[in-house]
Amino acid sequence: MGNVKKADCAIFAAGSPVSKERVQAYIGADTCLIAADAGHAFCRELGLCPQLVVGDFDSGVAVPASTKTQVIRLNPVKDETDTACAYRQAAARGFRNIVLFGATGGRLDHTFANLDLCAQAKREGIALTIADEHHEIFALQKETRLLHKDADKYVSVFPVGGACTVSLRGFAYPLKHRTLEPFCGLGVSNEIADSEAEITVHEGTALIFITDKDR
């Protein structure tokens, strides 16, 4: 069950670390690795060497010295987070199937900004998935996504950027062309009832959370 199987690009941010096993489930030998500022320390701990590091390095973490790593040093006075700037670099290089690690935990405002980034990427035609140890989060817009049953997972659907109209087939709580308004919790903690289920977003943009039940 999920959104990305193998990403063409992985971005490592400086939030809560993710296990090597979790990371390896999403990346392959050809996946481009980009670190956002202190996210390159996260890469090193996993035994990975990013091809690109983007950041203003105001966190006190040393700039990587590896000759295999390109460094883009940003002005600390900027309009986007280091993670958003790393995403911009990935998009400019033509990557369209991106997974973001280290996007949750730590500062809640950064987590919120990263959730917004998922929706923004979808509007730009790019699939950006946030993956941590217990969640997979991605956006859908005017499309249908098939999910396979996993009894250990909840599936939640939230409108982002305004109302969205969705249909949920094969869920314990199905919906048919239901408009979800902002600030409404109707889509939280659903479960797949059949062997597989479909989420269709007819209008607007929805954020999909696949969450471990033990959280």
C-alpha atoms as a PDB file:
ATOM      1  CA  MET A   1       0.000   0.000   0.000  1.00  0.00           C
ATOM      2  CA  GLY A   2       1.346   3.443  -0.790  1.00  0.00           C
ATOM      3  CA  ASN A   3       2.351   6.033  -3.306  1.00  0.00           C
ATOM      4  CA  VAL A   4       6.015   5.696  -4.320  1.00  0.00           C
ATOM      5  CA  LYS A   5       7.699   2.353  -4.879  1.00  0.00           C
ATOM      6  CA  LYS A   6      11.116   3.473  -6.126  1.00  0.00           C
ATOM      7  CA  ALA A   7      11.824   7.196  -6.268  1.00  0.00           C
ATOM      8  CA  ASP A   8      14.023   8.827  -8.895  1.00  0.00           C
ATOM      9  CA  CYS A   9      15.157  11.349  -6.264  1.00  0.00           C
ATOM     10  CA  ALA A  10      15.329  11.292  -2.457  1.00  0.00           C
ATOM     11  CA  ILE A  11      15.648  14.420  -0.322  1.00  0.00           C
ATOM     12  CA  PHE A  12      16.948  14.206   3.243  1.00  0.00           C
ATOM     13  CA  ALA A  13      15.866  16.956   5.628  1.00  0.00           C
ATOM     14  CA  ALA A  14      16.897  17.540   9.240  1.00  0.00           C
ATOM     15  CA  GLY A  15      13.792  16.291  11.061  1.00  0.00           C
ATOM     16  CA  SER A  16      13.388  12.928  12.781  1.00  0.00           C
ATOM     17  CA  PRO A  17      15.757  10.279  11.361  1.00  0.00           C
ATOM     18  CA  VAL A  18      14.410   7.320   9.417  1.00  0.00           C
ATOM     19  CA  SER A  19      15.837   3.796   9.561  1.00  0.00           C
ATOM     20  CA  LYS A  20      18.053   2.496   6.779  1.00  0.00           C
ATOM     21  CA  GLU A  21      15.507  -0.241   6.070  1.00  0.00           C
ATOM     22  CA  ARG A  22      12.766   2.339   5.592  1.00  0.00           C
ATOM     23  CA  VAL A  23      14.943   4.437   3.274  1.00  0.00           C
ATOM     24  CA  GLN A  24      16.010   1.429   1.216  1.00  0.00           C
ATOM     25  CA  ALA A  25      12.359   0.564   0.588  1.00  0.00           C
ATOM     26  CA  TYR A  26      12.079   3.724  -1.516  1.00  0.00           C
ATOM     27  CA  ILE A  27      15.460   4.210  -3.189  1.00  0.00           C
ATOM     28  CA  GLY A  28      17.422   2.256  -5.758  1.00  0.00           C
ATOM     29  CA  ALA A  29      20.951   2.330  -7.156  1.00  0.00           C
ATOM     30  CA  ASP A  30      20.003   5.087  -9.608  1.00  0.00           C
ATOM     31  CA  THR A  31      18.133   7.310  -7.154  1.00  0.00           C
ATOM     32  CA  CYS A  32      19.596  10.806  -6.918  1.00  0.00           C
ATOM     33  CA  LEU A  33      20.266  11.791  -3.284  1.00  0.00           C
ATOM     34  CA  ILE A  34      19.897  15.427  -2.219  1.00  0.00           C
ATOM     35  CA  ALA A  35      20.409  16.680   1.328  1.00  0.00           C
ATOM     36  CA  ALA A  36      18.865  19.843   2.753  1.00  0.00           C
ATOM     37  CA  ASP A  37      21.442  21.466   5.055  1.00  0.00           C
ATOM     38  CA  ALA A  38      21.877  19.288   8.174  1.00  0.00           C
ATOM     39  CA  GLY A  39      20.101  16.469   6.350  1.00  0.00           C
ATOM     40  CA  HIS A  40      23.507  15.497   4.971  1.00  0.00           C
ATOM     41  CA  ALA A  41      24.467  14.312   8.488  1.00  0.00           C
ATOM     42  CA  PHE A  42      21.405  12.041   8.324  1.00  0.00           C
ATOM     43  CA  CYS A  43      22.766  10.657   5.016  1.00  0.00           C
ATOM     44  CA  ARG A  44      26.186   9.997   6.515  1.00  0.00           C
ATOM     45  CA  GLU A  45      24.671   8.078   9.414  1.00  0.00           C
ATOM     46  CA  LEU A  46      22.967   5.814   6.856  1.00  0.00           C
ATOM     47  CA  GLY A  47      26.225   5.291   4.959  1.00  0.00           C
ATOM     48  CA  LEU A  48      24.947   7.308   1.993  1.00  0.00           C
ATOM     49  CA  CYS A  49      26.707  10.077   0.088  1.00  0.00           C
ATOM     50  CA  PRO A  50      24.377  12.700  -1.423  1.00  0.00           C
ATOM     51  CA  GLN A  51      25.193  14.050  -4.854  1.00  0.00           C
ATOM     52  CA  LEU A  52      23.967  17.512  -3.809  1.00  0.00           C
ATOM     53  CA  VAL A  53      23.663  19.439  -0.545  1.00  0.00           C
ATOM     54  CA  VAL A  54      21.547  22.603  -0.457  1.00  0.00           C
ATOM     55  CA  GLY A  55      21.444  24.928   2.541  1.00  0.00           C
ATOM     56  CA  ASP A  56      22.457  28.092   4.310  1.00  0.00           C
ATOM     57  CA  PHE A  57      24.326  26.048   6.949  1.00  0.00           C
ATOM     58  CA  ASP A  58      23.119  28.262   9.790  1.00  0.00           C
ATOM     59  CA  SER A  59      22.531  25.185  11.956  1.00  0.00           C
ATOM     60  CA  GLY A  60      26.222  24.848  12.764  1.00  0.00           C
ATOM     61  CA  VAL A  61      26.643  21.610  10.797  1.00  0.00           C
ATOM     62  CA  ALA A  62      29.828  21.627   8.734  1.00  0.00           C
ATOM     63  CA  VAL A  63      29.617  21.856   4.960  1.00  0.00           C
ATOM     64  CA  PRO A  64      30.426  18.403   3.490  1.00  0.00           C
ATOM     65  CA  ALA A  65      33.958  18.125   2.171  1.00  0.00           C
ATOM     66  CA  SER A  66      33.482  15.164  -0.176  1.00  0.00           C
ATOM     67  CA  THR A  67      34.486  15.872  -3.758  1.00  0.00           C
ATOM     68  CA  LYS A  68      31.575  13.649  -4.832  1.00  0.00           C
ATOM     69  CA  THR A  69      29.080  16.114  -3.393  1.00  0.00           C
ATOM     70  CA  GLN A  70      28.046  19.386  -5.024  1.00  0.00           C
ATOM     71  CA  VAL A  71      27.221  22.132  -2.524  1.00  0.00           C
ATOM     72  CA  ILE A  72      24.813  24.991  -3.152  1.00  0.00           C
ATOM     73  CA  ARG A  73      25.200  27.546  -0.365  1.00  0.00           C
ATOM     74  CA  LEU A  74      22.101  29.681   0.176  1.00  0.00           C
ATOM     75  CA  ASN A  75      21.742  33.139   1.662  1.00  0.00           C
ATOM     76  CA  PRO A  76      20.200  32.715   5.145  1.00  0.00           C
ATOM     77  CA  VAL A  77      17.841  35.587   4.270  1.00  0.00           C
ATOM     78  CA  LYS A  78      15.486  33.791   1.881  1.00  0.00           C
ATOM     79  CA  ASP A  79      11.806  33.146   1.235  1.00  0.00           C
ATOM     80  CA  GLU A  80      11.855  29.331   1.367  1.00  0.00           C
ATOM     81  CA  THR A  81      13.150  26.685   3.749  1.00  0.00           C
ATOM     82  CA  ASP A  82      16.278  24.699   2.920  1.00  0.00           C
ATOM     83  CA  THR A  83      14.029  21.697   2.251  1.00  0.00           C
ATOM     84  CA  ALA A  84      11.901  23.658  -0.223  1.00  0.00           C
ATOM     85  CA  CYS A  85      15.056  24.884  -1.956  1.00  0.00           C
ATOM     86  CA  ALA A  86      16.304  21.288  -2.191  1.00  0.00           C
ATOM     87  CA  TYR A  87      12.972  20.323  -3.739  1.00  0.00           C
ATOM     88  CA  ARG A  88      13.356  23.160  -6.270  1.00  0.00           C
ATOM     89  CA  GLN A  89      16.755  21.784  -7.264  1.00  0.00           C
ATOM     90  CA  ALA A  90      15.272  18.297  -7.705  1.00  0.00           C
ATOM     91  CA  ALA A  91      12.414  19.624  -9.832  1.00  0.00           C
ATOM     92  CA  ALA A  92      14.794  21.718 -11.962  1.00  0.00           C
ATOM     93  CA  ARG A  93      16.822  18.569 -12.666  1.00  0.00           C
ATOM     94  CA  GLY A  94      13.732  16.877 -14.084  1.00  0.00           C
ATOM     95  CA  PHE A  95      12.876  14.505 -11.232  1.00  0.00           C
ATOM     96  CA  ARG A  96       9.145  13.782 -10.987  1.00  0.00           C
ATOM     97  CA  ASN A  97       8.937  10.992  -8.413  1.00  0.00           C
ATOM     98  CA  ILE A  98      10.507  12.288  -5.205  1.00  0.00           C
ATOM     99  CA  VAL A  99      10.543  10.948  -1.640  1.00  0.00           C
ATOM    100  CA  LEU A 100      11.303  13.235   1.307  1.00  0.00           C
ATOM    101  CA  PHE A 101      12.822  11.844   4.510  1.00  0.00           C
ATOM    102  CA  GLY A 102      13.351  13.766   7.755  1.00  0.00           C
ATOM    103  CA  ALA A 103      10.353  15.978   6.997  1.00  0.00           C
ATOM    104  CA  THR A 104       8.502  15.324  10.266  1.00  0.00           C
ATOM    105  CA  GLY A 105       9.498  15.601  13.912  1.00  0.00           C
ATOM    106  CA  GLY A 106      11.361  18.535  15.372  1.00  0.00           C
ATOM    107  CA  ARG A 107       9.749  21.889  14.665  1.00  0.00           C
ATOM    108  CA  LEU A 108       6.035  21.674  13.886  1.00  0.00           C
ATOM    109  CA  ASP A 109       6.166  24.727  11.627  1.00  0.00           C
ATOM    110  CA  HIS A 110       8.702  22.947   9.400  1.00  0.00           C
ATOM    111  CA  THR A 111       6.520  19.827   9.356  1.00  0.00           C
ATOM    112  CA  PHE A 112       3.550  21.943   8.304  1.00  0.00           C
ATOM    113  CA  ALA A 113       5.610  23.631   5.580  1.00  0.00           C
ATOM    114  CA  ASN A 114       6.654  20.209   4.267  1.00  0.00           C
ATOM    115  CA  LEU A 115       3.027  19.069   4.095  1.00  0.00           C
ATOM    116  CA  ASP A 116       2.252  22.188   2.077  1.00  0.00           C
ATOM    117  CA  LEU A 117       5.206  21.321  -0.153  1.00  0.00           C
ATOM    118  CA  CYS A 118       3.584  17.961  -0.996  1.00  0.00           C
ATOM    119  CA  ALA A 119       0.464  19.723  -2.256  1.00  0.00           C
ATOM    120  CA  GLN A 120       2.457  22.378  -4.074  1.00  0.00           C
ATOM    121  CA  ALA A 121       4.514  19.715  -5.861  1.00  0.00           C
ATOM    122  CA  LYS A 122       1.363  17.907  -6.985  1.00  0.00           C
ATOM    123  CA  ARG A 123       0.058  21.118  -8.537  1.00  0.00           C
ATOM    124  CA  GLU A 124       3.341  21.307 -10.445  1.00  0.00           C
ATOM    125  CA  GLY A 125       2.883  17.768 -11.778  1.00  0.00           C
ATOM    126  CA  ILE A 126       5.416  16.190  -9.404  1.00  0.00           C
ATOM    127  CA  ALA A 127       4.750  13.293  -7.021  1.00  0.00           C
ATOM    128  CA  LEU A 128       6.367  14.166  -3.682  1.00  0.00           C
ATOM    129  CA  THR A 129       5.955  11.672  -0.849  1.00  0.00           C
ATOM    130  CA  ILE A 130       6.896  12.249   2.784  1.00  0.00           C
ATOM    131  CA  ALA A 131       8.050   9.027   4.442  1.00  0.00           C
ATOM    132  CA  ASP A 132       8.996   8.536   8.080  1.00  0.00           C
ATOM    133  CA  GLU A 133       8.953   5.475  10.319  1.00  0.00           C
ATOM    134  CA  HIS A 134       5.182   5.487  10.774  1.00  0.00           C
ATOM    135  CA  HIS A 135       3.664   7.565   7.955  1.00  0.00           C
ATOM    136  CA  GLU A 136       3.509   7.901   4.209  1.00  0.00           C
ATOM    137  CA  ILE A 137       1.995  11.197   3.086  1.00  0.00           C
ATOM    138  CA  PHE A 138       1.254  12.351  -0.444  1.00  0.00           C
ATOM    139  CA  ALA A 139      -1.148  14.543  -2.395  1.00  0.00           C
ATOM    140  CA  LEU A 140      -3.718  13.597  -5.031  1.00  0.00           C
ATOM    141  CA  GLN A 141      -5.372  15.888  -7.548  1.00  0.00           C
ATOM    142  CA  LYS A 142      -7.952  14.865 -10.168  1.00  0.00           C
ATOM    143  CA  GLU A 143      -6.811  11.250 -10.137  1.00  0.00           C
ATOM    144  CA  THR A 144      -7.533   7.811  -8.674  1.00  0.00           C
ATOM    145  CA  ARG A 145      -5.113   5.886  -6.463  1.00  0.00           C
ATOM    146  CA  LEU A 146      -5.408   2.164  -5.773  1.00  0.00           C
ATOM    147  CA  LEU A 147      -4.416   0.988  -2.299  1.00  0.00           C
ATOM    148  CA  HIS A 148      -4.061  -2.592  -1.103  1.00  0.00           C
ATOM    149  CA  LYS A 149      -5.439  -3.705   2.232  1.00  0.00           C
ATOM    150  CA  ASP A 150      -3.148  -3.503   5.243  1.00  0.00           C
ATOM    151  CA  ALA A 151      -4.875  -4.242   8.541  1.00  0.00           C
ATOM    152  CA  ASP A 152      -2.152  -2.377  10.438  1.00  0.00           C
ATOM    153  CA  LYS A 153      -2.773   0.960   8.707  1.00  0.00           C
ATOM    154  CA  TYR A 154      -5.190   3.862   8.893  1.00  0.00           C
ATOM    155  CA  VAL A 155      -5.879   5.979   5.814  1.00  0.00           C
ATOM    156  CA  SER A 156      -6.847   9.632   6.285  1.00  0.00           C
ATOM    157  CA  VAL A 157      -7.884  12.151   3.634  1.00  0.00           C
ATOM    158  CA  PHE A 158      -7.712  15.910   4.182  1.00  0.00           C
ATOM    159  CA  PRO A 159      -8.499  18.819   1.860  1.00  0.00           C
ATOM    160  CA  VAL A 160      -5.627  21.237   1.328  1.00  0.00           C
ATOM    161  CA  GLY A 161      -5.723  24.659  -0.299  1.00  0.00           C
ATOM    162  CA  GLY A 162      -9.527  24.685  -0.234  1.00  0.00           C
ATOM    163  CA  ALA A 163     -12.367  22.209  -0.543  1.00  0.00           C
ATOM    164  CA  CYS A 164     -11.908  18.949  -2.430  1.00  0.00           C
ATOM    165  CA  THR A 165     -14.430  16.429  -3.744  1.00  0.00           C
ATOM    166  CA  VAL A 166     -13.544  12.775  -3.194  1.00  0.00           C
ATOM    167  CA  SER A 167     -14.896   9.257  -3.555  1.00  0.00           C
ATOM    168  CA  LEU A 168     -13.682   6.384  -1.367  1.00  0.00           C
ATOM    169  CA  ARG A 169     -14.428   2.848  -2.567  1.00  0.00           C
ATOM    170  CA  GLY A 170     -13.579  -0.291  -0.601  1.00  0.00           C
ATOM    171  CA  PHE A 171     -13.212   1.526   2.720  1.00  0.00           C
ATOM    172  CA  ALA A 172     -14.972   0.918   6.025  1.00  0.00           C
ATOM    173  CA  TYR A 173     -16.424   4.419   5.630  1.00  0.00           C
ATOM    174  CA  PRO A 174     -17.037   4.910   1.891  1.00  0.00           C
ATOM    175  CA  LEU A 175     -17.779   8.265   0.288  1.00  0.00           C
ATOM    176  CA  LYS A 176     -19.246   9.114  -3.101  1.00  0.00           C
ATOM    177  CA  HIS A 177     -18.509  12.535  -4.579  1.00  0.00           C
ATOM    178  CA  ARG A 178     -18.338  14.023  -1.090  1.00  0.00           C
ATOM    179  CA  THR A 179     -16.972  17.533  -0.763  1.00  0.00           C
ATOM    180  CA  LEU A 180     -14.589  17.894   2.158  1.00  0.00           C
ATOM    181  CA  GLU A 181     -14.245  21.434   3.442  1.00  0.00           C
ATOM    182  CA  PRO A 182     -11.149  22.832   5.182  1.00  0.00           C
ATOM    183  CA  PHE A 183     -11.110  22.428   8.980  1.00  0.00           C
ATOM    184  CA  CYS A 184     -13.286  19.292   8.690  1.00  0.00           C
ATOM    185  CA  GLY A 185     -12.045  16.044  10.258  1.00  0.00           C
ATOM    186  CA  LEU A 186     -14.434  13.741   8.396  1.00  0.00           C
ATOM    187  CA  GLY A 187     -11.633  11.996   6.486  1.00  0.00           C
ATOM    188  CA  VAL A 188      -9.517  10.934   9.469  1.00  0.00           C
ATOM    189  CA  SER A 189      -8.702   7.310  10.457  1.00  0.00           C
ATOM    190  CA  ASN A 190     -10.487   5.325   7.772  1.00  0.00           C
ATOM    191  CA  GLU A 191      -9.659   1.677   7.071  1.00  0.00           C
ATOM    192  CA  ILE A 192      -9.598  -0.464   3.945  1.00  0.00           C
ATOM    193  CA  ALA A 193     -12.392  -3.019   4.201  1.00  0.00           C
ATOM    194  CA  ASP A 194     -11.907  -4.922   0.941  1.00  0.00           C
ATOM    195  CA  SER A 195      -8.768  -6.505  -0.498  1.00  0.00           C
ATOM    196  CA  GLU A 196      -8.104  -3.220  -2.259  1.00  0.00           C
ATOM    197  CA  ALA A 197      -9.585   0.258  -2.242  1.00  0.00           C
ATOM    198  CA  GLU A 198      -9.659   3.368  -4.392  1.00  0.00           C
ATOM    199  CA  ILE A 199      -9.329   7.034  -3.542  1.00  0.00           C
ATOM    200  CA  THR A 200     -10.579   9.351  -6.281  1.00  0.00           C
ATOM    201  CA  VAL A 201     -10.086  13.089  -6.045  1.00  0.00           C
ATOM    202  CA  HIS A 202     -12.550  14.664  -8.485  1.00  0.00           C
ATOM    203  CA  GLU A 203     -11.873  18.323  -7.702  1.00  0.00           C
ATOM    204  CA  GLY A 204      -9.307  20.156  -5.603  1.00  0.00           C
ATOM    205  CA  THR A 205      -6.307  18.674  -3.844  1.00  0.00           C
ATOM    206  CA  ALA A 206      -6.239  16.124  -1.021  1.00  0.00           C
ATOM    207  CA  LEU A 207      -3.450  15.090   1.328  1.00  0.00           C
ATOM    208  CA  ILE A 208      -3.431  11.342   1.993  1.00  0.00           C
ATOM    209  CA  PHE A 209      -1.947  10.000   5.232  1.00  0.00           C
ATOM    210  CA  ILE A 210      -1.181   6.284   5.551  1.00  0.00           C
ATOM    211  CA  THR A 211      -0.438   5.790   9.240  1.00  0.00           C
ATOM    212  CA  ASP A 212       0.581   2.861  11.461  1.00  0.00           C
ATOM    213  CA  LYS A 213      -2.258   1.999  13.829  1.00  0.00           C
ATOM    214  CA  ASP A 214       0.064   1.720  16.804  1.00  0.00           C
ATOM    215  CA  ARG A 215       0.868   5.454  16.660  1.00  0.00           C
END
